[in-house]
Amino acid sequence: NSLKPEEKAEYFCSAGGVEFYWGQG
């Protein structure tokens, strides 16, 4: 909410456990 222009970015999901994983964004 209340997004700001400087928050323009690629947003990534991650999952962390024994290993770490990324989404494509």
PDB file of all heavy atoms in Angstrom:
ATOM      1  N   ASN A   1       0.832  -1.197   0.000  1.00  0.00           N
ATOM      2  CA  ASN A   1       0.000   0.000   0.000  1.00  0.00           C
ATOM      3  C   ASN A   1       0.870   1.251   0.000  1.00  0.00           C
ATOM      4  O   ASN A   1       2.043   1.201   0.357  1.00  0.00           O
ATOM      5  CB  ASN A   1      -0.917   0.007   1.230  1.00  0.00           C
ATOM      6  CG  ASN A   1      -1.864  -1.165   1.262  1.00  0.00           C
ATOM      7  OD1 ASN A   1      -2.334  -1.643   0.222  1.00  0.00           O
ATOM      8  ND2 ASN A   1      -2.154  -1.663   2.448  1.00  0.00           N
ATOM      9  N   SER A   2       0.272   2.351  -0.395  1.00  0.00           N
ATOM     10  CA  SER A   2       0.968   3.648  -0.386  1.00  0.00           C
ATOM     11  C   SER A   2       2.302   3.561  -1.120  1.00  0.00           C
ATOM     12  O   SER A   2       3.340   3.997  -0.604  1.00  0.00           O
ATOM     13  CB  SER A   2       1.164   4.135   1.053  1.00  0.00           C
ATOM     14  OG  SER A   2      -0.059   4.248   1.724  1.00  0.00           O
ATOM     15  N   LEU A   3       2.278   2.993  -2.302  1.00  0.00           N
ATOM     16  CA  LEU A   3       3.516   2.800  -3.056  1.00  0.00           C
ATOM     17  C   LEU A   3       4.120   4.132  -3.491  1.00  0.00           C
ATOM     18  O   LEU A   3       3.412   5.095  -3.792  1.00  0.00           O
ATOM     19  CB  LEU A   3       3.250   1.917  -4.266  1.00  0.00           C
ATOM     20  CG  LEU A   3       3.143   0.431  -3.935  1.00  0.00           C
ATOM     21  CD1 LEU A   3       2.427  -0.324  -5.035  1.00  0.00           C
ATOM     22  CD2 LEU A   3       4.532  -0.153  -3.697  1.00  0.00           C
ATOM     23  N   LYS A   4       5.442   4.132  -3.530  1.00  0.00           N
ATOM     24  CA  LYS A   4       6.205   5.335  -3.871  1.00  0.00           C
ATOM     25  C   LYS A   4       6.931   5.120  -5.199  1.00  0.00           C
ATOM     26  O   LYS A   4       7.305   3.989  -5.526  1.00  0.00           O
ATOM     27  CB  LYS A   4       7.217   5.632  -2.769  1.00  0.00           C
ATOM     28  CG  LYS A   4       6.610   5.773  -1.388  1.00  0.00           C
ATOM     29  CD  LYS A   4       7.681   5.916  -0.330  1.00  0.00           C
ATOM     30  CE  LYS A   4       7.062   6.010   1.065  1.00  0.00           C
ATOM     31  NZ  LYS A   4       8.114   6.122   2.110  1.00  0.00           N
ATOM     32  N   PRO A   5       7.173   6.171  -5.936  1.00  0.00           N
ATOM     33  CA  PRO A   5       7.870   6.024  -7.225  1.00  0.00           C
ATOM     34  C   PRO A   5       9.221   5.321  -7.096  1.00  0.00           C
ATOM     35  O   PRO A   5       9.618   4.566  -7.998  1.00  0.00           O
ATOM     36  CB  PRO A   5       8.037   7.473  -7.691  1.00  0.00           C
ATOM     37  CG  PRO A   5       6.902   8.197  -7.060  1.00  0.00           C
ATOM     38  CD  PRO A   5       6.709   7.557  -5.713  1.00  0.00           C
ATOM     39  N   GLU A   6       9.920   5.572  -6.001  1.00  0.00           N
ATOM     40  CA  GLU A   6      11.239   4.955  -5.823  1.00  0.00           C
ATOM     41  C   GLU A   6      11.153   3.464  -5.530  1.00  0.00           C
ATOM     42  O   GLU A   6      12.189   2.789  -5.449  1.00  0.00           O
ATOM     43  CB  GLU A   6      12.019   5.665  -4.702  1.00  0.00           C
ATOM     44  CG  GLU A   6      11.335   5.663  -3.349  1.00  0.00           C
ATOM     45  CD  GLU A   6      10.524   6.929  -3.113  1.00  0.00           C
ATOM     46  OE1 GLU A   6       9.966   7.487  -4.081  1.00  0.00           O
ATOM     47  OE2 GLU A   6      10.466   7.350  -1.927  1.00  0.00           O
ATOM     48  N   GLU A   7       9.945   2.954  -5.374  1.00  0.00           N
ATOM     49  CA  GLU A   7       9.780   1.524  -5.147  1.00  0.00           C
ATOM     50  C   GLU A   7       9.568   0.747  -6.442  1.00  0.00           C
ATOM     51  O   GLU A   7       9.285  -0.450  -6.426  1.00  0.00           O
ATOM     52  CB  GLU A   7       8.643   1.287  -4.156  1.00  0.00           C
ATOM     53  CG  GLU A   7       9.018   1.806  -2.773  1.00  0.00           C
ATOM     54  CD  GLU A   7       7.951   1.633  -1.739  1.00  0.00           C
ATOM     55  OE1 GLU A   7       6.776   1.985  -1.992  1.00  0.00           O
ATOM     56  OE2 GLU A   7       8.290   1.144  -0.646  1.00  0.00           O
ATOM     57  N   LYS A   8       9.735   1.427  -7.550  1.00  0.00           N
ATOM     58  CA  LYS A   8       9.769   0.723  -8.832  1.00  0.00           C
ATOM     59  C   LYS A   8      10.952  -0.246  -8.814  1.00  0.00           C
ATOM     60  O   LYS A   8      12.093   0.143  -8.561  1.00  0.00           O
ATOM     61  CB  LYS A   8       9.941   1.714  -9.972  1.00  0.00           C
ATOM     62  CG  LYS A   8      10.197   1.061 -11.312  1.00  0.00           C
ATOM     63  CD  LYS A   8      10.493   2.113 -12.379  1.00  0.00           C
ATOM     64  CE  LYS A   8      10.881   1.442 -13.682  1.00  0.00           C
ATOM     65  NZ  LYS A   8      11.158   2.432 -14.762  1.00  0.00           N
ATOM     66  N   ALA A   9      10.667  -1.505  -9.060  1.00  0.00           N
ATOM     67  CA  ALA A   9      11.719  -2.515  -8.986  1.00  0.00           C
ATOM     68  C   ALA A   9      11.192  -3.838  -9.512  1.00  0.00           C
ATOM     69  O   ALA A   9       9.990  -4.006  -9.745  1.00  0.00           O
ATOM     70  CB  ALA A   9      12.199  -2.683  -7.542  1.00  0.00           C
ATOM     71  N   GLU A  10      12.108  -4.776  -9.657  1.00  0.00           N
ATOM     72  CA  GLU A  10      11.755  -6.163  -9.890  1.00  0.00           C
ATOM     73  C   GLU A  10      11.611  -6.801  -8.516  1.00  0.00           C
ATOM     74  O   GLU A  10      12.507  -6.664  -7.672  1.00  0.00           O
ATOM     75  CB  GLU A  10      12.848  -6.865 -10.689  1.00  0.00           C
ATOM     76  CG  GLU A  10      12.468  -8.227 -11.220  1.00  0.00           C
ATOM     77  CD  GLU A  10      11.681  -8.163 -12.523  1.00  0.00           C
ATOM     78  OE1 GLU A  10      11.506  -7.054 -13.070  1.00  0.00           O
ATOM     79  OE2 GLU A  10      11.228  -9.218 -12.983  1.00  0.00           O
ATOM     80  N   TYR A  11      10.486  -7.454  -8.296  1.00  0.00           N
ATOM     81  CA  TYR A  11      10.221  -8.058  -6.993  1.00  0.00           C
ATOM     82  C   TYR A  11      10.329  -9.576  -7.112  1.00  0.00           C
ATOM     83  O   TYR A  11       9.748 -10.177  -8.017  1.00  0.00           O
ATOM     84  CB  TYR A  11       8.843  -7.651  -6.482  1.00  0.00           C
ATOM     85  CG  TYR A  11       8.819  -6.226  -5.960  1.00  0.00           C
ATOM     86  CD1 TYR A  11       8.833  -5.144  -6.830  1.00  0.00           C
ATOM     87  CD2 TYR A  11       8.799  -5.975  -4.590  1.00  0.00           C
ATOM     88  CE1 TYR A  11       8.838  -3.843  -6.340  1.00  0.00           C
ATOM     89  CE2 TYR A  11       8.787  -4.677  -4.099  1.00  0.00           C
ATOM     90  CZ  TYR A  11       8.804  -3.618  -4.980  1.00  0.00           C
ATOM     91  OH  TYR A  11       8.805  -2.320  -4.502  1.00  0.00           O
ATOM     92  N   PHE A  12      11.078 -10.157  -6.187  1.00  0.00           N
ATOM     93  CA  PHE A  12      11.374 -11.579  -6.225  1.00  0.00           C
ATOM     94  C   PHE A  12      10.859 -12.274  -4.974  1.00  0.00           C
ATOM     95  O   PHE A  12      10.993 -11.764  -3.869  1.00  0.00           O
ATOM     96  CB  PHE A  12      12.890 -11.816  -6.304  1.00  0.00           C
ATOM     97  CG  PHE A  12      13.532 -11.255  -7.532  1.00  0.00           C
ATOM     98  CD1 PHE A  12      13.986  -9.955  -7.560  1.00  0.00           C
ATOM     99  CD2 PHE A  12      13.684 -12.045  -8.666  1.00  0.00           C
ATOM    100  CE1 PHE A  12      14.593  -9.423  -8.690  1.00  0.00           C
ATOM    101  CE2 PHE A  12      14.290 -11.538  -9.808  1.00  0.00           C
ATOM    102  CZ  PHE A  12      14.738 -10.226  -9.818  1.00  0.00           C
ATOM    103  N   CYS A  13      10.334 -13.458  -5.189  1.00  0.00           N
ATOM    104  CA  CYS A  13       9.941 -14.334  -4.099  1.00  0.00           C
ATOM    105  C   CYS A  13      11.110 -15.264  -3.797  1.00  0.00           C
ATOM    106  O   CYS A  13      11.859 -15.640  -4.701  1.00  0.00           O
ATOM    107  CB  CYS A  13       8.715 -15.125  -4.532  1.00  0.00           C
ATOM    108  SG  CYS A  13       8.076 -16.303  -3.345  1.00  0.00           S
ATOM    109  N   SER A  14      11.248 -15.632  -2.540  1.00  0.00           N
ATOM    110  CA  SER A  14      12.314 -16.553  -2.157  1.00  0.00           C
ATOM    111  C   SER A  14      11.787 -17.583  -1.181  1.00  0.00           C
ATOM    112  O   SER A  14      10.807 -17.348  -0.465  1.00  0.00           O
ATOM    113  CB  SER A  14      13.479 -15.794  -1.524  1.00  0.00           C
ATOM    114  OG  SER A  14      13.104 -15.295  -0.241  1.00  0.00           O
ATOM    115  N   ALA A  15      12.476 -18.726  -1.174  1.00  0.00           N
ATOM    116  CA  ALA A  15      12.153 -19.781  -0.221  1.00  0.00           C
ATOM    117  C   ALA A  15      13.450 -20.260   0.392  1.00  0.00           C
ATOM    118  O   ALA A  15      14.386 -20.626  -0.330  1.00  0.00           O
ATOM    119  CB  ALA A  15      11.434 -20.933  -0.902  1.00  0.00           C
ATOM    120  N   GLY A  16      13.523 -20.259   1.704  1.00  0.00           N
ATOM    121  CA  GLY A  16      14.752 -20.637   2.380  1.00  0.00           C
ATOM    122  C   GLY A  16      14.537 -21.761   3.356  1.00  0.00           C
ATOM    123  O   GLY A  16      13.594 -21.751   4.152  1.00  0.00           O
ATOM    124  N   GLY A  17      15.422 -22.731   3.263  1.00  0.00           N
ATOM    125  CA  GLY A  17      15.389 -23.854   4.188  1.00  0.00           C
ATOM    126  C   GLY A  17      16.780 -24.453   4.196  1.00  0.00           C
ATOM    127  O   GLY A  17      17.759 -23.747   4.433  1.00  0.00           O
ATOM    128  N   VAL A  18      16.877 -25.719   3.886  1.00  0.00           N
ATOM    129  CA  VAL A  18      18.196 -26.332   3.701  1.00  0.00           C
ATOM    130  C   VAL A  18      18.878 -25.682   2.497  1.00  0.00           C
ATOM    131  O   VAL A  18      20.086 -25.434   2.494  1.00  0.00           O
ATOM    132  CB  VAL A  18      18.065 -27.845   3.498  1.00  0.00           C
ATOM    133  CG1 VAL A  18      19.424 -28.459   3.193  1.00  0.00           C
ATOM    134  CG2 VAL A  18      17.449 -28.484   4.739  1.00  0.00           C
ATOM    135  N   GLU A  19      18.105 -25.397   1.464  1.00  0.00           N
ATOM    136  CA  GLU A  19      18.608 -24.673   0.300  1.00  0.00           C
ATOM    137  C   GLU A  19      17.793 -23.392   0.116  1.00  0.00           C
ATOM    138  O   GLU A  19      16.781 -23.187   0.793  1.00  0.00           O
ATOM    139  CB  GLU A  19      18.518 -25.556  -0.942  1.00  0.00           C
ATOM    140  CG  GLU A  19      19.380 -26.808  -0.844  1.00  0.00           C
ATOM    141  CD  GLU A  19      19.372 -27.622  -2.126  1.00  0.00           C
ATOM    142  OE1 GLU A  19      19.162 -27.036  -3.200  1.00  0.00           O
ATOM    143  OE2 GLU A  19      19.585 -28.840  -2.046  1.00  0.00           O
ATOM    144  N   PHE A  20      18.263 -22.576  -0.790  1.00  0.00           N
ATOM    145  CA  PHE A  20      17.608 -21.292  -1.034  1.00  0.00           C
ATOM    146  C   PHE A  20      17.191 -21.227  -2.491  1.00  0.00           C
ATOM    147  O   PHE A  20      17.951 -21.575  -3.382  1.00  0.00           O
ATOM    148  CB  PHE A  20      18.575 -20.144  -0.712  1.00  0.00           C
ATOM    149  CG  PHE A  20      17.903 -18.814  -0.551  1.00  0.00           C
ATOM    150  CD1 PHE A  20      17.373 -18.432   0.671  1.00  0.00           C
ATOM    151  CD2 PHE A  20      17.777 -17.951  -1.630  1.00  0.00           C
ATOM    152  CE1 PHE A  20      16.750 -17.203   0.828  1.00  0.00           C
ATOM    153  CE2 PHE A  20      17.163 -16.727  -1.489  1.00  0.00           C
ATOM    154  CZ  PHE A  20      16.641 -16.347  -0.262  1.00  0.00           C
ATOM    155  N   TYR A  21      15.948 -20.737  -2.696  1.00  0.00           N
ATOM    156  CA  TYR A  21      15.410 -20.685  -4.043  1.00  0.00           C
ATOM    157  C   TYR A  21      14.881 -19.289  -4.356  1.00  0.00           C
ATOM    158  O   TYR A  21      14.380 -18.586  -3.465  1.00  0.00           O
ATOM    159  CB  TYR A  21      14.263 -21.687  -4.184  1.00  0.00           C
ATOM    160  CG  TYR A  21      14.652 -23.103  -3.873  1.00  0.00           C
ATOM    161  CD1 TYR A  21      14.483 -23.626  -2.596  1.00  0.00           C
ATOM    162  CD2 TYR A  21      15.189 -23.934  -4.853  1.00  0.00           C
ATOM    163  CE1 TYR A  21      14.847 -24.929  -2.295  1.00  0.00           C
ATOM    164  CE2 TYR A  21      15.542 -25.248  -4.563  1.00  0.00           C
ATOM    165  CZ  TYR A  21      15.369 -25.723  -3.284  1.00  0.00           C
ATOM    166  OH  TYR A  21      15.731 -27.022  -3.000  1.00  0.00           O
ATOM    167  N   TRP A  22      14.969 -18.946  -5.651  1.00  0.00           N
ATOM    168  CA  TRP A  22      14.450 -17.667  -6.133  1.00  0.00           C
ATOM    169  C   TRP A  22      13.362 -17.903  -7.173  1.00  0.00           C
ATOM    170  O   TRP A  22      13.444 -18.837  -7.959  1.00  0.00           O
ATOM    171  CB  TRP A  22      15.560 -16.857  -6.808  1.00  0.00           C
ATOM    172  CG  TRP A  22      16.615 -16.318  -5.909  1.00  0.00           C
ATOM    173  CD1 TRP A  22      17.889 -16.774  -5.771  1.00  0.00           C
ATOM    174  CD2 TRP A  22      16.516 -15.190  -5.027  1.00  0.00           C
ATOM    175  NE1 TRP A  22      18.583 -16.014  -4.867  1.00  0.00           N
ATOM    176  CE2 TRP A  22      17.760 -15.027  -4.398  1.00  0.00           C
ATOM    177  CE3 TRP A  22      15.482 -14.303  -4.715  1.00  0.00           C
ATOM    178  CZ2 TRP A  22      18.018 -14.018  -3.473  1.00  0.00           C
ATOM    179  CZ3 TRP A  22      15.741 -13.297  -3.792  1.00  0.00           C
ATOM    180  CH2 TRP A  22      16.985 -13.155  -3.183  1.00  0.00           C
ATOM    181  N   GLY A  23      12.422 -16.981  -7.216  1.00  0.00           N
ATOM    182  CA  GLY A  23      11.504 -16.915  -8.326  1.00  0.00           C
ATOM    183  C   GLY A  23      12.112 -16.101  -9.455  1.00  0.00           C
ATOM    184  O   GLY A  23      13.208 -15.561  -9.327  1.00  0.00           O
ATOM    185  N   GLN A  24      11.383 -15.979 -10.549  1.00  0.00           N
ATOM    186  CA  GLN A  24      11.920 -15.277 -11.714  1.00  0.00           C
ATOM    187  C   GLN A  24      11.695 -13.772 -11.639  1.00  0.00           C
ATOM    188  O   GLN A  24      12.296 -13.021 -12.413  1.00  0.00           O
ATOM    189  CB  GLN A  24      11.292 -15.843 -12.997  1.00  0.00           C
ATOM    190  CG  GLN A  24       9.958 -15.227 -13.394  1.00  0.00           C
ATOM    191  CD  GLN A  24       8.800 -15.646 -12.500  1.00  0.00           C
ATOM    192  OE1 GLN A  24       8.926 -16.525 -11.665  1.00  0.00           O
ATOM    193  NE2 GLN A  24       7.643 -15.012 -12.680  1.00  0.00           N
ATOM    194  N   GLY A  25      10.854 -13.339 -10.724  1.00  0.00           N
ATOM    195  CA  GLY A  25      10.629 -11.911 -10.534  1.00  0.00           C
ATOM    196  C   GLY A  25       9.394 -11.394 -11.249  1.00  0.00           C
ATOM    197  O   GLY A  25       8.951 -11.962 -12.247  1.00  0.00           O
TER     198      GLY A  25
END
